[in-house]
Amino acid sequence: MENFVLYEELGKGRNSFVYKGRRKGHLNFLAIVCTDKNKKLEISNHVRLSYHLDHPNIVRYYEWYETCSHLWLVLELCTGEETCLLFNLNSHQFSF
C-alpha cells in the first residue's frame, strides 16, 4: 500500500473502513477499502466475480493488496449523493 495516499474516511462497516485515496503520481481519486484479513475468502469470491465486470452501473474493481493484518481493495470512487437519499427523493416524485 506504499503506492497509495489515503485521505479522509468515507465510511465504515463492522469489519471494514472505506477511504478516499489515490495512487501516488496520479490525479484520479479512488475508493480504498480496508478490511480484516479473516474476510479473505469472502473478498476472494467478490474479486473473482467482479474482476471482469465493466458496466456504467457497477462499481469498477481495480486491484487488491494483502498486508500482514488487512486486505485492501482498490475500487472506483463514486461521487455524488448517497443512493438511499436519491431513492427517497425519487419516491416522492413518482408516487402512485
N, C-alpha and C. Protein backbone atom coordinates (compact mmCIF):
# COMPACT_ATOMS: atom_id res chain seq x y z
N MET A 1 0.81 -1.19 0.00
CA MET A 1 0.00 0.00 0.00
C MET A 1 0.85 1.26 0.00
N GLU A 2 2.14 1.09 -0.09
CA GLU A 2 3.03 2.25 -0.11
C GLU A 2 2.91 3.08 -1.37
N ASN A 3 2.20 2.57 -2.38
CA ASN A 3 2.00 3.31 -3.63
C ASN A 3 0.75 4.19 -3.61
N PHE A 4 0.07 4.25 -2.48
CA PHE A 4 -1.18 4.99 -2.37
C PHE A 4 -1.12 6.04 -1.28
N VAL A 5 -1.90 7.10 -1.48
CA VAL A 5 -2.09 8.13 -0.46
C VAL A 5 -3.54 8.04 -0.01
N LEU A 6 -3.76 7.91 1.31
CA LEU A 6 -5.11 7.85 1.85
C LEU A 6 -5.50 9.22 2.37
N TYR A 7 -6.74 9.62 2.09
CA TYR A 7 -7.27 10.88 2.56
C TYR A 7 -8.33 10.59 3.61
N GLU A 8 -9.46 11.25 3.54
CA GLU A 8 -10.46 11.10 4.60
C GLU A 8 -11.18 9.76 4.52
N GLU A 9 -11.72 9.38 5.67
CA GLU A 9 -12.55 8.19 5.76
C GLU A 9 -13.92 8.53 5.18
N LEU A 10 -14.40 7.68 4.26
CA LEU A 10 -15.71 7.90 3.64
C LEU A 10 -16.82 7.14 4.33
N GLY A 11 -16.47 6.06 4.97
CA GLY A 11 -17.47 5.24 5.64
C GLY A 11 -16.83 4.08 6.35
N LYS A 12 -17.64 3.38 7.13
CA LYS A 12 -17.13 2.20 7.82
C LYS A 12 -18.25 1.22 8.07
N GLY A 13 -17.85 -0.03 8.17
CA GLY A 13 -18.77 -1.10 8.49
C GLY A 13 -18.28 -1.81 9.73
N ARG A 14 -18.82 -2.98 9.98
CA ARG A 14 -18.42 -3.72 11.18
C ARG A 14 -16.96 -4.15 11.11
N ASN A 15 -16.49 -4.57 9.93
CA ASN A 15 -15.13 -5.09 9.79
C ASN A 15 -14.30 -4.33 8.77
N SER A 16 -14.76 -3.18 8.31
CA SER A 16 -14.01 -2.51 7.25
C SER A 16 -14.18 -0.99 7.32
N PHE A 17 -13.26 -0.31 6.66
CA PHE A 17 -13.27 1.14 6.51
C PHE A 17 -13.09 1.46 5.04
N VAL A 18 -13.71 2.54 4.58
CA VAL A 18 -13.55 2.98 3.20
C VAL A 18 -12.92 4.37 3.22
N TYR A 19 -11.83 4.52 2.47
CA TYR A 19 -11.11 5.78 2.41
C TYR A 19 -11.12 6.33 0.99
N LYS A 20 -11.06 7.64 0.90
CA LYS A 20 -10.79 8.29 -0.38
C LYS A 20 -9.27 8.29 -0.51
N GLY A 21 -8.78 7.89 -1.66
CA GLY A 21 -7.33 7.82 -1.85
C GLY A 21 -6.98 7.97 -3.31
N ARG A 22 -5.69 7.93 -3.56
CA ARG A 22 -5.22 7.95 -4.95
C ARG A 22 -3.85 7.30 -5.00
N ARG A 23 -3.51 6.84 -6.19
CA ARG A 23 -2.20 6.25 -6.42
C ARG A 23 -1.19 7.39 -6.51
N LYS A 24 -0.04 7.24 -5.87
CA LYS A 24 0.99 8.28 -5.93
C LYS A 24 1.38 8.55 -7.38
N GLY A 25 1.48 9.83 -7.72
CA GLY A 25 1.83 10.22 -9.08
C GLY A 25 0.66 10.30 -10.03
N HIS A 26 -0.56 10.01 -9.55
CA HIS A 26 -1.77 10.08 -10.38
C HIS A 26 -2.75 11.07 -9.77
N LEU A 27 -3.63 11.60 -10.59
CA LEU A 27 -4.59 12.59 -10.13
C LEU A 27 -5.95 12.00 -9.77
N ASN A 28 -6.31 10.86 -10.33
CA ASN A 28 -7.64 10.28 -10.13
C ASN A 28 -7.81 9.73 -8.71
N PHE A 29 -8.94 10.08 -8.09
CA PHE A 29 -9.25 9.55 -6.77
C PHE A 29 -9.89 8.18 -6.88
N LEU A 30 -9.70 7.37 -5.86
CA LEU A 30 -10.21 6.00 -5.80
C LEU A 30 -10.87 5.77 -4.45
N ALA A 31 -11.66 4.73 -4.35
CA ALA A 31 -12.16 4.25 -3.06
C ALA A 31 -11.25 3.10 -2.65
N ILE A 32 -10.73 3.17 -1.44
CA ILE A 32 -9.83 2.13 -0.95
C ILE A 32 -10.45 1.53 0.31
N VAL A 33 -10.75 0.25 0.24
CA VAL A 33 -11.42 -0.45 1.33
C VAL A 33 -10.38 -1.24 2.11
N CYS A 34 -10.38 -1.05 3.42
CA CYS A 34 -9.51 -1.80 4.32
C CYS A 34 -10.39 -2.72 5.15
N THR A 35 -10.12 -4.01 5.12
CA THR A 35 -10.94 -4.97 5.85
C THR A 35 -10.05 -5.97 6.57
N ASP A 36 -10.62 -6.65 7.56
CA ASP A 36 -9.88 -7.66 8.31
C ASP A 36 -9.45 -8.80 7.40
N LYS A 37 -8.28 -9.30 7.68
CA LYS A 37 -7.73 -10.38 6.86
C LYS A 37 -8.56 -11.67 7.01
N ASN A 38 -9.29 -11.81 8.10
CA ASN A 38 -10.10 -13.03 8.27
C ASN A 38 -11.28 -13.08 7.30
N LYS A 39 -11.49 -12.02 6.52
CA LYS A 39 -12.54 -11.98 5.49
C LYS A 39 -11.98 -12.36 4.12
N LYS A 40 -10.81 -12.97 4.09
CA LYS A 40 -10.13 -13.25 2.82
C LYS A 40 -10.97 -14.09 1.87
N LEU A 41 -11.65 -15.11 2.37
CA LEU A 41 -12.46 -15.97 1.50
C LEU A 41 -13.59 -15.17 0.85
N GLU A 42 -14.28 -14.35 1.65
CA GLU A 42 -15.36 -13.53 1.10
C GLU A 42 -14.83 -12.53 0.07
N ILE A 43 -13.72 -11.90 0.40
CA ILE A 43 -13.13 -10.92 -0.51
C ILE A 43 -12.66 -11.60 -1.79
N SER A 44 -12.06 -12.77 -1.67
CA SER A 44 -11.61 -13.51 -2.86
C SER A 44 -12.78 -13.83 -3.78
N ASN A 45 -13.90 -14.23 -3.21
CA ASN A 45 -15.10 -14.50 -4.02
C ASN A 45 -15.60 -13.24 -4.69
N HIS A 46 -15.63 -12.14 -3.95
CA HIS A 46 -16.07 -10.86 -4.52
C HIS A 46 -15.15 -10.43 -5.67
N VAL A 47 -13.86 -10.56 -5.47
CA VAL A 47 -12.89 -10.19 -6.50
C VAL A 47 -13.07 -11.06 -7.74
N ARG A 48 -13.23 -12.34 -7.55
CA ARG A 48 -13.39 -13.26 -8.67
C ARG A 48 -14.63 -12.92 -9.49
N LEU A 49 -15.71 -12.54 -8.81
CA LEU A 49 -16.95 -12.21 -9.50
C LEU A 49 -16.89 -10.84 -10.19
N SER A 50 -16.22 -9.88 -9.59
CA SER A 50 -16.27 -8.52 -10.13
C SER A 50 -15.08 -8.13 -11.00
N TYR A 51 -14.09 -8.98 -11.08
CA TYR A 51 -12.86 -8.63 -11.80
C TYR A 51 -13.11 -8.26 -13.26
N HIS A 52 -13.95 -8.99 -13.95
CA HIS A 52 -14.16 -8.76 -15.38
C HIS A 52 -15.40 -7.90 -15.69
N LEU A 53 -16.11 -7.46 -14.66
CA LEU A 53 -17.31 -6.65 -14.90
C LEU A 53 -16.91 -5.25 -15.34
N ASP A 54 -17.55 -4.78 -16.38
CA ASP A 54 -17.30 -3.44 -16.88
C ASP A 54 -18.63 -2.88 -17.37
N HIS A 55 -19.31 -2.16 -16.48
CA HIS A 55 -20.63 -1.63 -16.78
C HIS A 55 -20.78 -0.29 -16.07
N PRO A 56 -21.42 0.69 -16.69
CA PRO A 56 -21.52 2.01 -16.06
C PRO A 56 -22.31 2.03 -14.74
N ASN A 57 -23.13 1.02 -14.47
CA ASN A 57 -23.91 0.98 -13.24
C ASN A 57 -23.32 0.08 -12.16
N ILE A 58 -22.11 -0.40 -12.37
CA ILE A 58 -21.44 -1.28 -11.40
C ILE A 58 -20.10 -0.65 -11.05
N VAL A 59 -19.82 -0.57 -9.73
CA VAL A 59 -18.55 -0.02 -9.27
C VAL A 59 -17.41 -0.89 -9.81
N ARG A 60 -16.43 -0.25 -10.39
CA ARG A 60 -15.30 -0.95 -11.03
C ARG A 60 -14.27 -1.36 -9.99
N TYR A 61 -13.89 -2.64 -10.01
CA TYR A 61 -12.82 -3.17 -9.18
C TYR A 61 -11.51 -3.03 -9.94
N TYR A 62 -10.45 -2.56 -9.27
CA TYR A 62 -9.16 -2.41 -9.92
C TYR A 62 -8.14 -3.44 -9.45
N GLU A 63 -7.91 -3.52 -8.13
CA GLU A 63 -6.90 -4.45 -7.62
C GLU A 63 -7.06 -4.60 -6.12
N TRP A 64 -6.29 -5.53 -5.55
CA TRP A 64 -6.29 -5.69 -4.11
C TRP A 64 -4.89 -6.02 -3.63
N TYR A 65 -4.66 -5.70 -2.34
CA TYR A 65 -3.36 -5.92 -1.70
C TYR A 65 -3.59 -6.60 -0.37
N GLU A 66 -2.59 -7.36 0.05
CA GLU A 66 -2.66 -8.03 1.33
C GLU A 66 -1.47 -7.59 2.17
N THR A 67 -1.74 -7.12 3.39
CA THR A 67 -0.68 -6.81 4.34
C THR A 67 -0.75 -7.84 5.46
N CYS A 68 0.08 -7.71 6.46
CA CYS A 68 0.12 -8.74 7.50
C CYS A 68 -1.20 -8.88 8.26
N SER A 69 -1.99 -7.82 8.37
CA SER A 69 -3.23 -7.92 9.13
C SER A 69 -4.49 -7.46 8.39
N HIS A 70 -4.34 -6.93 7.17
CA HIS A 70 -5.51 -6.40 6.45
C HIS A 70 -5.48 -6.76 4.97
N LEU A 71 -6.68 -6.69 4.37
CA LEU A 71 -6.83 -6.76 2.92
C LEU A 71 -7.28 -5.38 2.46
N TRP A 72 -6.73 -4.93 1.34
CA TRP A 72 -7.04 -3.61 0.80
C TRP A 72 -7.56 -3.78 -0.61
N LEU A 73 -8.78 -3.29 -0.86
CA LEU A 73 -9.37 -3.33 -2.20
C LEU A 73 -9.35 -1.92 -2.78
N VAL A 74 -8.97 -1.81 -4.04
CA VAL A 74 -8.95 -0.53 -4.74
C VAL A 74 -10.10 -0.55 -5.74
N LEU A 75 -11.03 0.40 -5.56
CA LEU A 75 -12.26 0.43 -6.36
C LEU A 75 -12.47 1.81 -6.96
N GLU A 76 -13.35 1.87 -7.92
CA GLU A 76 -13.77 3.14 -8.49
C GLU A 76 -14.44 3.97 -7.40
N LEU A 77 -14.15 5.25 -7.36
CA LEU A 77 -14.79 6.15 -6.41
C LEU A 77 -16.03 6.73 -7.05
N CYS A 78 -17.17 6.53 -6.41
CA CYS A 78 -18.44 7.09 -6.88
C CYS A 78 -18.72 8.35 -6.07
N THR A 79 -18.88 9.46 -6.76
CA THR A 79 -19.15 10.71 -6.06
C THR A 79 -20.61 11.08 -6.25
N GLY A 80 -21.09 11.98 -5.44
CA GLY A 80 -22.48 12.41 -5.52
C GLY A 80 -23.23 12.03 -4.28
N GLU A 81 -24.53 12.03 -4.37
CA GLU A 81 -25.40 11.74 -3.23
C GLU A 81 -25.40 10.24 -2.91
N GLU A 82 -25.77 9.94 -1.68
CA GLU A 82 -25.92 8.55 -1.29
C GLU A 82 -27.11 7.95 -2.03
N THR A 83 -27.01 6.71 -2.39
CA THR A 83 -28.06 6.04 -3.16
C THR A 83 -29.40 6.05 -2.43
N CYS A 84 -29.40 5.78 -1.12
CA CYS A 84 -30.67 5.74 -0.40
C CYS A 84 -31.33 7.11 -0.37
N LEU A 85 -30.54 8.19 -0.32
CA LEU A 85 -31.10 9.53 -0.38
C LEU A 85 -31.76 9.79 -1.73
N LEU A 86 -31.10 9.36 -2.81
CA LEU A 86 -31.67 9.54 -4.14
C LEU A 86 -32.96 8.75 -4.31
N PHE A 87 -33.00 7.51 -3.78
CA PHE A 87 -34.22 6.72 -3.85
C PHE A 87 -35.36 7.40 -3.10
N ASN A 88 -35.06 7.97 -1.93
CA ASN A 88 -36.10 8.66 -1.15
C ASN A 88 -36.62 9.88 -1.91
N LEU A 89 -35.72 10.64 -2.53
CA LEU A 89 -36.15 11.81 -3.31
C LEU A 89 -37.01 11.40 -4.49
N ASN A 90 -36.60 10.35 -5.20
CA ASN A 90 -37.32 9.89 -6.37
C ASN A 90 -38.67 9.29 -6.00
N SER A 91 -38.78 8.64 -4.86
CA SER A 91 -40.05 8.00 -4.48
C SER A 91 -41.13 9.05 -4.25
N HIS A 92 -40.75 10.26 -3.82
CA HIS A 92 -41.73 11.33 -3.62
C HIS A 92 -42.20 11.89 -4.96
N GLN A 93 -41.36 11.86 -5.96
CA GLN A 93 -41.72 12.38 -7.27
C GLN A 93 -42.61 11.43 -8.06
N PHE A 94 -42.46 10.13 -7.81
CA PHE A 94 -43.18 9.14 -8.60
C PHE A 94 -44.13 8.32 -7.76
N SER A 95 -44.90 8.95 -6.88
CA SER A 95 -45.84 8.18 -6.09
C SER A 95 -47.06 7.79 -6.92
N PHE A 96 -47.56 6.61 -6.66
CA PHE A 96 -48.72 6.09 -7.41
C PHE A 96 -49.94 6.10 -6.55
